[in-house]
Amino acid sequence: MIHPGRILVIGGSAAGAAAAAKAKRVSPVTEVILFEKSSFISTGVCEIPYVLSGDIKSYKDLIFYD
């Protein structure tokens, strides 16, 4: 199997983060770079209803990396 030296992922939404993580799991030696235009990278959107309902007090509780 041929492994590229670098993979660029454009978009830090849940799909972009999942693609970058999968690429790194498949080929740990490959450099994976994720580009996102906003201030945050998303790992999922399933938590949004909990923020809107008040079960999670602040959206900031969902941010792991910025």
N, C-alpha and C. Protein backbone atom coordinates (compact mmCIF):
# COMPACT_ATOMS: atom_id res chain seq x y z
N MET A 1 0.84 -1.17 0.00
CA MET A 1 0.00 0.00 0.00
C MET A 1 0.89 1.24 0.00
N ILE A 2 0.56 2.20 -0.86
CA ILE A 2 1.32 3.44 -0.94
C ILE A 2 0.68 4.46 0.00
N HIS A 3 1.52 5.08 0.84
CA HIS A 3 1.04 6.09 1.76
C HIS A 3 1.63 7.44 1.36
N PRO A 4 0.76 8.43 1.12
CA PRO A 4 1.28 9.75 0.75
C PRO A 4 2.01 10.40 1.93
N GLY A 5 2.85 11.35 1.61
CA GLY A 5 3.60 12.05 2.65
C GLY A 5 2.76 13.07 3.39
N ARG A 6 1.70 13.58 2.74
CA ARG A 6 0.90 14.62 3.35
C ARG A 6 -0.54 14.53 2.84
N ILE A 7 -1.49 14.66 3.75
CA ILE A 7 -2.91 14.73 3.40
C ILE A 7 -3.44 16.04 3.93
N LEU A 8 -4.11 16.81 3.06
CA LEU A 8 -4.73 18.06 3.45
C LEU A 8 -6.24 17.86 3.49
N VAL A 9 -6.85 18.20 4.61
CA VAL A 9 -8.30 18.11 4.77
C VAL A 9 -8.83 19.53 4.87
N ILE A 10 -9.77 19.87 4.00
CA ILE A 10 -10.35 21.21 3.98
C ILE A 10 -11.72 21.14 4.64
N GLY A 11 -11.86 21.86 5.75
CA GLY A 11 -13.13 21.92 6.47
C GLY A 11 -13.06 21.19 7.79
N GLY A 12 -13.29 21.92 8.86
CA GLY A 12 -13.18 21.35 10.20
C GLY A 12 -14.50 20.99 10.84
N SER A 13 -15.52 20.73 10.00
CA SER A 13 -16.78 20.26 10.57
C SER A 13 -16.59 18.80 11.00
N ALA A 14 -17.64 18.19 11.47
CA ALA A 14 -17.53 16.81 11.95
C ALA A 14 -16.96 15.88 10.88
N ALA A 15 -17.37 16.07 9.63
CA ALA A 15 -16.88 15.20 8.55
C ALA A 15 -15.39 15.41 8.30
N GLY A 16 -14.95 16.65 8.32
CA GLY A 16 -13.53 16.93 8.11
C GLY A 16 -12.66 16.37 9.22
N ALA A 17 -13.11 16.56 10.47
CA ALA A 17 -12.35 16.04 11.61
C ALA A 17 -12.32 14.51 11.58
N ALA A 18 -13.44 13.90 11.20
CA ALA A 18 -13.49 12.44 11.12
C ALA A 18 -12.56 11.93 10.02
N ALA A 19 -12.52 12.63 8.89
CA ALA A 19 -11.65 12.22 7.78
C ALA A 19 -10.17 12.34 8.19
N ALA A 20 -9.82 13.43 8.86
CA ALA A 20 -8.44 13.61 9.30
C ALA A 20 -8.04 12.53 10.31
N ALA A 21 -8.93 12.25 11.26
CA ALA A 21 -8.63 11.22 12.26
C ALA A 21 -8.48 9.85 11.62
N LYS A 22 -9.35 9.52 10.66
CA LYS A 22 -9.28 8.22 9.98
C LYS A 22 -7.98 8.12 9.17
N ALA A 23 -7.61 9.19 8.50
CA ALA A 23 -6.37 9.18 7.71
C ALA A 23 -5.18 8.91 8.61
N LYS A 24 -5.15 9.51 9.78
CA LYS A 24 -4.03 9.31 10.70
C LYS A 24 -4.03 7.89 11.27
N ARG A 25 -5.22 7.32 11.51
CA ARG A 25 -5.28 5.94 12.00
C ARG A 25 -4.80 4.95 10.94
N VAL A 26 -5.16 5.20 9.69
CA VAL A 26 -4.78 4.31 8.59
C VAL A 26 -3.28 4.40 8.31
N SER A 27 -2.74 5.61 8.41
CA SER A 27 -1.32 5.80 8.11
C SER A 27 -0.70 6.77 9.12
N PRO A 28 -0.30 6.28 10.28
CA PRO A 28 0.24 7.15 11.33
C PRO A 28 1.46 7.97 10.91
N VAL A 29 2.20 7.50 9.92
CA VAL A 29 3.40 8.23 9.50
C VAL A 29 3.11 9.38 8.54
N THR A 30 1.90 9.43 8.02
CA THR A 30 1.51 10.48 7.09
C THR A 30 1.19 11.76 7.84
N GLU A 31 1.66 12.88 7.33
CA GLU A 31 1.32 14.18 7.91
C GLU A 31 -0.10 14.54 7.48
N VAL A 32 -0.98 14.82 8.44
CA VAL A 32 -2.36 15.20 8.15
C VAL A 32 -2.56 16.63 8.65
N ILE A 33 -2.99 17.50 7.74
CA ILE A 33 -3.22 18.90 8.07
C ILE A 33 -4.68 19.23 7.82
N LEU A 34 -5.34 19.82 8.81
CA LEU A 34 -6.76 20.17 8.74
C LEU A 34 -6.88 21.69 8.67
N PHE A 35 -7.55 22.19 7.64
CA PHE A 35 -7.79 23.62 7.48
C PHE A 35 -9.24 23.93 7.81
N GLU A 36 -9.46 24.97 8.61
CA GLU A 36 -10.82 25.43 8.95
C GLU A 36 -10.80 26.94 9.01
N LYS A 37 -11.77 27.58 8.38
CA LYS A 37 -11.78 29.04 8.32
C LYS A 37 -12.32 29.69 9.59
N SER A 38 -13.13 28.98 10.36
CA SER A 38 -13.65 29.57 11.59
C SER A 38 -12.68 29.34 12.75
N SER A 39 -13.07 29.78 13.91
CA SER A 39 -12.20 29.66 15.08
C SER A 39 -12.24 28.29 15.73
N PHE A 40 -13.21 27.45 15.34
CA PHE A 40 -13.41 26.18 16.01
C PHE A 40 -13.42 25.01 15.03
N ILE A 41 -12.95 23.87 15.52
CA ILE A 41 -13.05 22.61 14.78
C ILE A 41 -14.11 21.78 15.48
N SER A 42 -15.04 21.25 14.72
CA SER A 42 -16.15 20.50 15.30
C SER A 42 -15.86 19.01 15.31
N THR A 43 -16.20 18.36 16.41
CA THR A 43 -16.10 16.90 16.45
C THR A 43 -17.48 16.26 16.32
N GLY A 44 -18.51 17.06 16.32
CA GLY A 44 -19.86 16.53 16.17
C GLY A 44 -20.90 17.61 16.39
N VAL A 45 -22.11 17.32 15.97
CA VAL A 45 -23.21 18.27 16.16
C VAL A 45 -24.34 17.67 16.98
N CYS A 46 -24.15 16.49 17.48
CA CYS A 46 -25.21 15.83 18.24
C CYS A 46 -25.49 16.51 19.57
N GLU A 47 -24.57 17.34 20.03
CA GLU A 47 -24.72 18.00 21.32
C GLU A 47 -25.57 19.25 21.23
N ILE A 48 -25.81 19.80 20.06
CA ILE A 48 -26.52 21.06 19.91
C ILE A 48 -27.91 21.05 20.58
N PRO A 49 -28.71 20.00 20.44
CA PRO A 49 -30.00 20.01 21.14
C PRO A 49 -29.87 20.12 22.65
N TYR A 50 -28.80 19.58 23.20
CA TYR A 50 -28.59 19.66 24.64
C TYR A 50 -28.20 21.07 25.07
N VAL A 51 -27.50 21.79 24.21
CA VAL A 51 -27.17 23.19 24.50
C VAL A 51 -28.45 24.02 24.42
N LEU A 52 -29.24 23.80 23.39
CA LEU A 52 -30.46 24.57 23.21
C LEU A 52 -31.48 24.30 24.32
N SER A 53 -31.51 23.08 24.83
CA SER A 53 -32.47 22.74 25.90
C SER A 53 -31.98 23.19 27.27
N GLY A 54 -30.68 23.52 27.38
CA GLY A 54 -30.14 23.94 28.65
C GLY A 54 -29.49 22.83 29.45
N ASP A 55 -29.56 21.57 28.95
CA ASP A 55 -28.90 20.46 29.65
C ASP A 55 -27.40 20.67 29.72
N ILE A 56 -26.82 21.23 28.66
CA ILE A 56 -25.43 21.68 28.66
C ILE A 56 -25.50 23.20 28.76
N LYS A 57 -24.90 23.76 29.78
CA LYS A 57 -25.10 25.18 30.10
C LYS A 57 -24.52 26.14 29.06
N SER A 58 -23.39 25.79 28.46
CA SER A 58 -22.75 26.70 27.52
C SER A 58 -22.13 25.91 26.37
N TYR A 59 -22.20 26.47 25.19
CA TYR A 59 -21.55 25.82 24.05
C TYR A 59 -20.05 25.69 24.29
N LYS A 60 -19.49 26.55 25.14
CA LYS A 60 -18.06 26.50 25.42
C LYS A 60 -17.66 25.20 26.12
N ASP A 61 -18.64 24.54 26.75
CA ASP A 61 -18.35 23.25 27.38
C ASP A 61 -18.09 22.16 26.35
N LEU A 62 -18.40 22.43 25.09
CA LEU A 62 -18.22 21.46 24.01
C LEU A 62 -16.90 21.65 23.28
N ILE A 63 -16.19 22.72 23.56
CA ILE A 63 -14.98 23.07 22.82
C ILE A 63 -13.77 22.43 23.49
N PHE A 64 -13.09 21.57 22.73
CA PHE A 64 -11.89 20.92 23.23
C PHE A 64 -10.64 21.62 22.75
N TYR A 65 -10.65 22.04 21.48
CA TYR A 65 -9.51 22.71 20.87
C TYR A 65 -10.02 23.89 20.08
N ASP A 66 -9.28 24.95 20.06
CA ASP A 66 -9.65 26.08 19.21
C ASP A 66 -8.44 26.55 18.42
